[in-house]
Amino acid sequence: MDVLEQSEDLRKLYACLDGLEQERREAVKLAYLDGFSRQDLADRFGHPVGTIKTWLHRSLKQLKDCLGT
């Protein structure tokens, strides 16, 4: 039963990630799955660190709202 619940949670997470703009989705994945720093992301996307920080903050809020947590 736990495996089914985890699978459903993962499906929901990916559905919510798909709701993000492409660059922001990629930034979230790189930051939280691959461990990229904000500076790494700024260099990769060509935006200031402050912009990346805002992207991540707003994206996490959007994911939280989407997941209903």
C-alpha atoms as a PDB file:
ATOM      1  CA  MET A   1       0.000   0.000   0.000  1.00  0.00           C
ATOM      2  CA  ASP A   2       2.861   2.419   0.804  1.00  0.00           C
ATOM      3  CA  VAL A   3       4.324   1.883  -2.653  1.00  0.00           C
ATOM      4  CA  LEU A   4       0.997   2.789  -4.258  1.00  0.00           C
ATOM      5  CA  GLU A   5       0.728   5.960  -2.167  1.00  0.00           C
ATOM      6  CA  GLN A   6       4.290   6.957  -3.040  1.00  0.00           C
ATOM      7  CA  SER A   7       3.595   6.266  -6.707  1.00  0.00           C
ATOM      8  CA  GLU A   8       0.471   8.448  -6.606  1.00  0.00           C
ATOM      9  CA  ASP A   9       2.370  11.238  -4.815  1.00  0.00           C
ATOM     10  CA  LEU A  10       5.113  11.075  -7.424  1.00  0.00           C
ATOM     11  CA  ARG A  11       2.557  11.220 -10.236  1.00  0.00           C
ATOM     12  CA  LYS A  12       0.996  14.305  -8.650  1.00  0.00           C
ATOM     13  CA  LEU A  13       4.409  15.940  -8.260  1.00  0.00           C
ATOM     14  CA  TYR A  14       5.290  15.394 -11.912  1.00  0.00           C
ATOM     15  CA  ALA A  15       1.888  16.687 -13.003  1.00  0.00           C
ATOM     16  CA  CYS A  16       2.468  19.825 -10.924  1.00  0.00           C
ATOM     17  CA  LEU A  17       5.998  20.226 -12.292  1.00  0.00           C
ATOM     18  CA  ASP A  18       4.521  20.108 -15.798  1.00  0.00           C
ATOM     19  CA  GLY A  19       2.479  23.167 -14.823  1.00  0.00           C
ATOM     20  CA  LEU A  20       5.627  25.264 -14.419  1.00  0.00           C
ATOM     21  CA  GLU A  21       7.202  27.197 -17.267  1.00  0.00           C
ATOM     22  CA  GLN A  22       9.942  25.155 -18.924  1.00  0.00           C
ATOM     23  CA  GLU A  23      12.918  27.183 -17.623  1.00  0.00           C
ATOM     24  CA  ARG A  24      11.531  27.284 -14.105  1.00  0.00           C
ATOM     25  CA  ARG A  25      10.762  23.560 -14.141  1.00  0.00           C
ATOM     26  CA  GLU A  26      14.303  22.842 -15.258  1.00  0.00           C
ATOM     27  CA  ALA A  27      15.723  25.188 -12.598  1.00  0.00           C
ATOM     28  CA  VAL A  28      13.720  23.462  -9.846  1.00  0.00           C
ATOM     29  CA  LYS A  29      14.854  20.028 -10.980  1.00  0.00           C
ATOM     30  CA  LEU A  30      18.485  21.099 -11.245  1.00  0.00           C
ATOM     31  CA  ALA A  31      18.410  22.791  -7.834  1.00  0.00           C
ATOM     32  CA  TYR A  32      16.545  20.176  -5.829  1.00  0.00           C
ATOM     33  CA  LEU A  33      17.384  16.953  -7.627  1.00  0.00           C
ATOM     34  CA  ASP A  34      20.898  17.653  -8.902  1.00  0.00           C
ATOM     35  CA  GLY A  35      22.117  20.046  -6.205  1.00  0.00           C
ATOM     36  CA  PHE A  36      22.872  23.046  -8.410  1.00  0.00           C
ATOM     37  CA  SER A  37      23.502  26.251  -6.464  1.00  0.00           C
ATOM     38  CA  ARG A  38      21.707  29.493  -7.253  1.00  0.00           C
ATOM     39  CA  GLN A  39      24.941  30.765  -8.781  1.00  0.00           C
ATOM     40  CA  ASP A  40      25.201  27.630 -10.943  1.00  0.00           C
ATOM     41  CA  LEU A  41      21.659  28.209 -12.146  1.00  0.00           C
ATOM     42  CA  ALA A  42      22.298  31.912 -12.777  1.00  0.00           C
ATOM     43  CA  ASP A  43      25.305  31.019 -14.921  1.00  0.00           C
ATOM     44  CA  ARG A  44      23.381  28.332 -16.785  1.00  0.00           C
ATOM     45  CA  PHE A  45      20.276  30.433 -17.511  1.00  0.00           C
ATOM     46  CA  GLY A  46      22.014  33.788 -17.928  1.00  0.00           C
ATOM     47  CA  HIS A  47      19.988  35.568 -15.247  1.00  0.00           C
ATOM     48  CA  PRO A  48      21.038  37.274 -12.004  1.00  0.00           C
ATOM     49  CA  VAL A  49      21.075  35.195  -8.824  1.00  0.00           C
ATOM     50  CA  GLY A  50      18.188  37.272  -7.465  1.00  0.00           C
ATOM     51  CA  THR A  51      16.033  36.258 -10.420  1.00  0.00           C
ATOM     52  CA  ILE A  52      16.864  32.602  -9.867  1.00  0.00           C
ATOM     53  CA  LYS A  53      16.002  32.942  -6.169  1.00  0.00           C
ATOM     54  CA  THR A  54      12.634  34.433  -7.125  1.00  0.00           C
ATOM     55  CA  TRP A  55      12.003  31.690  -9.694  1.00  0.00           C
ATOM     56  CA  LEU A  56      12.690  28.984  -7.131  1.00  0.00           C
ATOM     57  CA  HIS A  57      10.614  30.647  -4.422  1.00  0.00           C
ATOM     58  CA  ARG A  58       7.604  31.198  -6.688  1.00  0.00           C
ATOM     59  CA  SER A  59       7.925  27.764  -8.268  1.00  0.00           C
ATOM     60  CA  LEU A  60       7.967  26.038  -4.888  1.00  0.00           C
ATOM     61  CA  LYS A  61       4.904  28.017  -3.836  1.00  0.00           C
ATOM     62  CA  GLN A  62       3.138  27.015  -7.055  1.00  0.00           C
ATOM     63  CA  LEU A  63       4.065  23.351  -6.478  1.00  0.00           C
ATOM     64  CA  LYS A  64       2.867  23.535  -2.877  1.00  0.00           C
ATOM     65  CA  ASP A  65      -0.458  25.030  -3.982  1.00  0.00           C
ATOM     66  CA  CYS A  66      -0.822  22.442  -6.739  1.00  0.00           C
ATOM     67  CA  LEU A  67      -0.123  19.564  -4.356  1.00  0.00           C
ATOM     68  CA  GLY A  68      -2.552  20.993  -1.818  1.00  0.00           C
ATOM     69  CA  THR A  69      -0.051  21.052   1.039  1.00  0.00           C
END
